[in-house]
Amino acid sequence: MPVPVPVDVYDRPAARRVLTRLEDPDPLLDPASAARAWVAGAGIGVLPDGAESVL
């Protein structure tokens, strides 16, 4: 079950936002889902499965 994210998180300005911890049934993992389109429209990315980040 996906962890709910407070709605105000999407209203905060940031240089870049990327969701990194998603469970398998999360609709954000489906590039064709309405949820993925919504977060993309808000300027938020979804890290692909198996991706690695260097901070």
N, C-alpha and C. Protein backbone atom coordinates (compact mmCIF):
# COMPACT_ATOMS: atom_id res chain seq x y z
N MET A 1 0.85 -1.18 0.00
CA MET A 1 0.00 0.00 0.00
C MET A 1 0.89 1.24 0.00
N PRO A 2 0.64 2.20 -0.90
CA PRO A 2 1.45 3.40 -0.96
C PRO A 2 1.35 4.24 0.31
N VAL A 3 2.41 4.89 0.66
CA VAL A 3 2.42 5.79 1.82
C VAL A 3 1.85 7.12 1.37
N PRO A 4 0.83 7.64 2.08
CA PRO A 4 0.26 8.92 1.67
C PRO A 4 1.27 10.06 1.86
N VAL A 5 1.26 10.98 0.92
CA VAL A 5 2.14 12.16 0.99
C VAL A 5 1.26 13.37 1.23
N PRO A 6 1.61 14.20 2.21
CA PRO A 6 0.79 15.40 2.45
C PRO A 6 0.69 16.25 1.19
N VAL A 7 -0.50 16.73 0.89
CA VAL A 7 -0.74 17.48 -0.34
C VAL A 7 0.11 18.74 -0.40
N ASP A 8 0.38 19.38 0.74
CA ASP A 8 1.16 20.61 0.71
C ASP A 8 2.60 20.40 0.26
N VAL A 9 3.08 19.18 0.25
CA VAL A 9 4.42 18.89 -0.25
C VAL A 9 4.54 19.33 -1.70
N TYR A 10 3.48 19.19 -2.47
CA TYR A 10 3.50 19.52 -3.89
C TYR A 10 3.43 21.03 -4.13
N ASP A 11 3.09 21.80 -3.11
CA ASP A 11 2.98 23.25 -3.25
C ASP A 11 4.27 23.98 -2.90
N ARG A 12 5.25 23.27 -2.37
CA ARG A 12 6.50 23.90 -1.96
C ARG A 12 7.44 24.06 -3.15
N PRO A 13 8.07 25.23 -3.27
CA PRO A 13 9.04 25.39 -4.36
C PRO A 13 10.30 24.58 -4.09
N ALA A 14 10.87 24.01 -5.11
CA ALA A 14 12.10 23.24 -4.98
C ALA A 14 12.80 23.22 -6.33
N ALA A 15 14.10 23.04 -6.31
CA ALA A 15 14.86 22.97 -7.55
C ALA A 15 14.47 21.72 -8.33
N ARG A 16 14.34 20.60 -7.62
CA ARG A 16 13.98 19.34 -8.28
C ARG A 16 13.40 18.39 -7.24
N ARG A 17 12.31 17.74 -7.60
CA ARG A 17 11.70 16.74 -6.72
C ARG A 17 11.60 15.43 -7.48
N VAL A 18 12.02 14.35 -6.82
CA VAL A 18 11.94 13.02 -7.42
C VAL A 18 11.46 12.05 -6.35
N LEU A 19 10.41 11.31 -6.66
CA LEU A 19 9.93 10.28 -5.74
C LEU A 19 10.81 9.05 -5.91
N THR A 20 11.30 8.52 -4.80
CA THR A 20 12.29 7.44 -4.89
C THR A 20 11.85 6.12 -4.28
N ARG A 21 10.94 6.13 -3.31
CA ARG A 21 10.57 4.90 -2.64
C ARG A 21 9.12 4.56 -2.91
N LEU A 22 8.89 3.74 -3.90
CA LEU A 22 7.54 3.36 -4.28
C LEU A 22 7.39 1.85 -4.19
N GLU A 23 6.24 1.39 -3.75
CA GLU A 23 5.95 -0.04 -3.68
C GLU A 23 5.45 -0.53 -5.04
N ASP A 24 5.56 -1.81 -5.30
CA ASP A 24 5.16 -2.38 -6.59
C ASP A 24 3.75 -2.02 -7.04
N PRO A 25 2.72 -2.02 -6.16
CA PRO A 25 1.37 -1.72 -6.66
C PRO A 25 1.09 -0.22 -6.83
N ASP A 26 2.04 0.64 -6.57
CA ASP A 26 1.80 2.08 -6.66
C ASP A 26 1.53 2.48 -8.11
N PRO A 27 0.43 3.19 -8.37
CA PRO A 27 0.11 3.58 -9.75
C PRO A 27 1.13 4.55 -10.34
N LEU A 28 1.96 5.18 -9.52
CA LEU A 28 2.98 6.09 -10.04
C LEU A 28 4.03 5.35 -10.86
N LEU A 29 4.15 4.05 -10.67
CA LEU A 29 5.12 3.27 -11.43
C LEU A 29 4.66 3.02 -12.87
N ASP A 30 3.39 3.23 -13.15
CA ASP A 30 2.85 3.05 -14.51
C ASP A 30 2.91 4.38 -15.25
N PRO A 31 3.78 4.50 -16.25
CA PRO A 31 3.90 5.78 -16.97
C PRO A 31 2.61 6.25 -17.63
N ALA A 32 1.66 5.34 -17.85
CA ALA A 32 0.40 5.71 -18.51
C ALA A 32 -0.72 6.04 -17.51
N SER A 33 -0.43 5.99 -16.20
CA SER A 33 -1.48 6.21 -15.21
C SER A 33 -1.80 7.70 -15.03
N ALA A 34 -3.01 7.97 -14.56
CA ALA A 34 -3.42 9.34 -14.28
C ALA A 34 -2.59 9.91 -13.13
N ALA A 35 -2.24 9.09 -12.17
CA ALA A 35 -1.44 9.55 -11.03
C ALA A 35 -0.06 10.01 -11.51
N ARG A 36 0.54 9.26 -12.41
CA ARG A 36 1.87 9.62 -12.94
C ARG A 36 1.78 10.92 -13.73
N ALA A 37 0.71 11.08 -14.50
CA ALA A 37 0.52 12.32 -15.25
C ALA A 37 0.35 13.51 -14.32
N TRP A 38 -0.34 13.31 -13.20
CA TRP A 38 -0.57 14.39 -12.24
C TRP A 38 0.75 14.84 -11.61
N VAL A 39 1.58 13.90 -11.14
CA VAL A 39 2.84 14.30 -10.52
C VAL A 39 3.79 14.90 -11.56
N ALA A 40 3.77 14.39 -12.78
CA ALA A 40 4.61 14.95 -13.84
C ALA A 40 4.18 16.39 -14.13
N GLY A 41 2.88 16.63 -14.13
CA GLY A 41 2.36 17.98 -14.35
C GLY A 41 2.75 18.94 -13.23
N ALA A 42 2.98 18.39 -12.04
CA ALA A 42 3.41 19.20 -10.90
C ALA A 42 4.93 19.36 -10.88
N GLY A 43 5.62 18.82 -11.89
CA GLY A 43 7.06 18.95 -11.96
C GLY A 43 7.83 17.97 -11.09
N ILE A 44 7.18 16.86 -10.73
CA ILE A 44 7.80 15.86 -9.87
C ILE A 44 8.14 14.63 -10.70
N GLY A 45 9.35 14.14 -10.55
CA GLY A 45 9.78 12.96 -11.28
C GLY A 45 9.59 11.69 -10.47
N VAL A 46 9.68 10.57 -11.13
CA VAL A 46 9.62 9.26 -10.48
C VAL A 46 10.89 8.52 -10.89
N LEU A 47 11.68 8.14 -9.91
CA LEU A 47 12.92 7.42 -10.18
C LEU A 47 12.60 6.04 -10.74
N PRO A 48 13.16 5.65 -11.87
CA PRO A 48 12.89 4.34 -12.46
C PRO A 48 13.37 3.20 -11.56
N ASP A 49 12.74 2.07 -11.68
CA ASP A 49 13.13 0.89 -10.89
C ASP A 49 14.59 0.54 -11.17
N GLY A 50 15.35 0.32 -10.13
CA GLY A 50 16.75 -0.08 -10.26
C GLY A 50 17.71 1.08 -10.43
N ALA A 51 17.20 2.31 -10.46
CA ALA A 51 18.08 3.47 -10.64
C ALA A 51 18.89 3.71 -9.37
N GLU A 52 20.04 4.30 -9.54
CA GLU A 52 20.90 4.66 -8.41
C GLU A 52 21.10 6.17 -8.42
N SER A 53 21.14 6.76 -7.22
CA SER A 53 21.35 8.20 -7.10
C SER A 53 22.68 8.46 -6.40
N VAL A 54 23.36 9.47 -6.86
CA VAL A 54 24.57 9.93 -6.20
C VAL A 54 24.29 11.33 -5.68
N LEU A 55 24.42 11.49 -4.39
CA LEU A 55 24.14 12.81 -3.78
C LEU A 55 25.41 13.57 -3.54
